[in-house]
Amino acid sequence: MKTAVEWLEIEIQKSIIPAQKDYFKWAFEQAKEFEKERIKYAYLNGRYDADKIVMSDKFYAEQYYNETFKTTEQ
């Protein structure tokens, strides 16, 4: 499954000029990190009361993100 940012990156890469390529690569890497943190935060808050989050829960949030959105194709 692709995230919204990954989909947008693919679509924009179809029309950017070579001079913009490095900037867009950097910008999309930043956007993917922001999106990843938001997905993990939503996962945690959907499962638990925000005051009860512990380190092991953060591990499961990371695992959820990787299993759901992480792909080897880039």
C-alpha atoms as a PDB file:
ATOM      1  CA  MET A   1       0.000   0.000   0.000  1.00  0.00           C
ATOM      2  CA  LYS A   2       1.347   3.430  -0.876  1.00  0.00           C
ATOM      3  CA  THR A   3       0.940   6.457   1.328  1.00  0.00           C
ATOM      4  CA  ALA A   4      -0.481   9.679  -0.088  1.00  0.00           C
ATOM      5  CA  VAL A   5       2.987  11.242  -0.163  1.00  0.00           C
ATOM      6  CA  GLU A   6       4.455   8.285  -2.067  1.00  0.00           C
ATOM      7  CA  TRP A   7       1.656   8.508  -4.639  1.00  0.00           C
ATOM      8  CA  LEU A   8       2.160  12.258  -5.032  1.00  0.00           C
ATOM      9  CA  GLU A   9       5.914  11.797  -5.438  1.00  0.00           C
ATOM     10  CA  ILE A  10       5.386   9.370  -8.323  1.00  0.00           C
ATOM     11  CA  GLU A  11       2.930  11.707 -10.034  1.00  0.00           C
ATOM     12  CA  ILE A  12       5.160  14.782  -9.698  1.00  0.00           C
ATOM     13  CA  GLN A  13       8.250  12.917 -10.904  1.00  0.00           C
ATOM     14  CA  LYS A  14       6.459  12.418 -14.219  1.00  0.00           C
ATOM     15  CA  SER A  15       6.549  16.135 -14.937  1.00  0.00           C
ATOM     16  CA  ILE A  16       9.541  17.722 -13.167  1.00  0.00           C
ATOM     17  CA  ILE A  17      12.563  18.950 -15.020  1.00  0.00           C
ATOM     18  CA  PRO A  18      15.990  17.454 -14.191  1.00  0.00           C
ATOM     19  CA  ALA A  19      17.152  20.639 -12.428  1.00  0.00           C
ATOM     20  CA  GLN A  20      14.359  20.192  -9.867  1.00  0.00           C
ATOM     21  CA  LYS A  21      14.990  16.505  -9.222  1.00  0.00           C
ATOM     22  CA  ASP A  22      17.358  16.850  -6.227  1.00  0.00           C
ATOM     23  CA  TYR A  23      15.114  19.374  -4.489  1.00  0.00           C
ATOM     24  CA  PHE A  24      12.006  17.245  -4.922  1.00  0.00           C
ATOM     25  CA  LYS A  25      13.837  14.128  -3.740  1.00  0.00           C
ATOM     26  CA  TRP A  26      14.840  15.951  -0.548  1.00  0.00           C
ATOM     27  CA  ALA A  27      11.371  17.466  -0.059  1.00  0.00           C
ATOM     28  CA  PHE A  28       9.624  14.131  -0.475  1.00  0.00           C
ATOM     29  CA  GLU A  29      11.965  12.390   1.953  1.00  0.00           C
ATOM     30  CA  GLN A  30      11.055  15.051   4.521  1.00  0.00           C
ATOM     31  CA  ALA A  31       7.336  14.703   3.758  1.00  0.00           C
ATOM     32  CA  LYS A  32       7.515  10.906   4.086  1.00  0.00           C
ATOM     33  CA  GLU A  33       9.137  11.211   7.518  1.00  0.00           C
ATOM     34  CA  PHE A  34       6.438  13.662   8.666  1.00  0.00           C
ATOM     35  CA  GLU A  35       3.722  11.382   7.316  1.00  0.00           C
ATOM     36  CA  LYS A  36       5.275   8.337   8.984  1.00  0.00           C
ATOM     37  CA  GLU A  37       5.268  10.085  12.372  1.00  0.00           C
ATOM     38  CA  ARG A  38       1.620  11.137  11.923  1.00  0.00           C
ATOM     39  CA  ILE A  39       0.592   7.568  11.011  1.00  0.00           C
ATOM     40  CA  LYS A  40       2.390   6.178  14.054  1.00  0.00           C
ATOM     41  CA  TYR A  41       0.816   8.851  16.280  1.00  0.00           C
ATOM     42  CA  ALA A  42      -2.645   8.031  14.938  1.00  0.00           C
ATOM     43  CA  TYR A  43      -2.027   4.338  15.505  1.00  0.00           C
ATOM     44  CA  LEU A  44      -1.038   4.926  19.109  1.00  0.00           C
ATOM     45  CA  ASN A  45      -3.938   7.252  19.843  1.00  0.00           C
ATOM     46  CA  GLY A  46      -6.369   4.905  18.179  1.00  0.00           C
ATOM     47  CA  ARG A  47      -5.275   2.029  20.400  1.00  0.00           C
ATOM     48  CA  TYR A  48      -4.584   3.668  23.724  1.00  0.00           C
ATOM     49  CA  ASP A  49      -5.262   6.631  25.872  1.00  0.00           C
ATOM     50  CA  ALA A  50      -2.455   9.128  25.083  1.00  0.00           C
ATOM     51  CA  ASP A  51      -1.313   9.148  28.722  1.00  0.00           C
ATOM     52  CA  LYS A  52      -0.729   5.391  28.713  1.00  0.00           C
ATOM     53  CA  ILE A  53       1.712   5.135  25.791  1.00  0.00           C
ATOM     54  CA  VAL A  54       4.905   3.305  26.724  1.00  0.00           C
ATOM     55  CA  MET A  55       8.063   2.465  24.796  1.00  0.00           C
ATOM     56  CA  SER A  56       6.856  -0.992  23.772  1.00  0.00           C
ATOM     57  CA  ASP A  57       3.775   0.627  22.234  1.00  0.00           C
ATOM     58  CA  LYS A  58       6.042   2.896  20.168  1.00  0.00           C
ATOM     59  CA  PHE A  59       7.777  -0.233  18.889  1.00  0.00           C
ATOM     60  CA  TYR A  60       4.411  -1.655  17.783  1.00  0.00           C
ATOM     61  CA  ALA A  61       3.514   1.620  16.091  1.00  0.00           C
ATOM     62  CA  GLU A  62       6.772   1.452  14.112  1.00  0.00           C
ATOM     63  CA  GLN A  63       6.084  -2.205  13.292  1.00  0.00           C
ATOM     64  CA  TYR A  64       2.545  -1.351  12.141  1.00  0.00           C
ATOM     65  CA  TYR A  65       3.859   1.399   9.851  1.00  0.00           C
ATOM     66  CA  ASN A  66       6.543  -0.845   8.353  1.00  0.00           C
ATOM     67  CA  GLU A  67       4.154  -3.747   7.746  1.00  0.00           C
ATOM     68  CA  THR A  68       1.461  -1.520   6.246  1.00  0.00           C
ATOM     69  CA  PHE A  69       3.357   1.099   4.251  1.00  0.00           C
ATOM     70  CA  LYS A  70       7.038   0.199   3.920  1.00  0.00           C
ATOM     71  CA  THR A  71       7.944  -1.192   0.524  1.00  0.00           C
ATOM     72  CA  THR A  72      11.245  -2.259  -0.914  1.00  0.00           C
ATOM     73  CA  GLU A  73      10.497  -0.607  -4.255  1.00  0.00           C
ATOM     74  CA  GLN A  74      11.625   3.009  -4.492  1.00  0.00           C
END
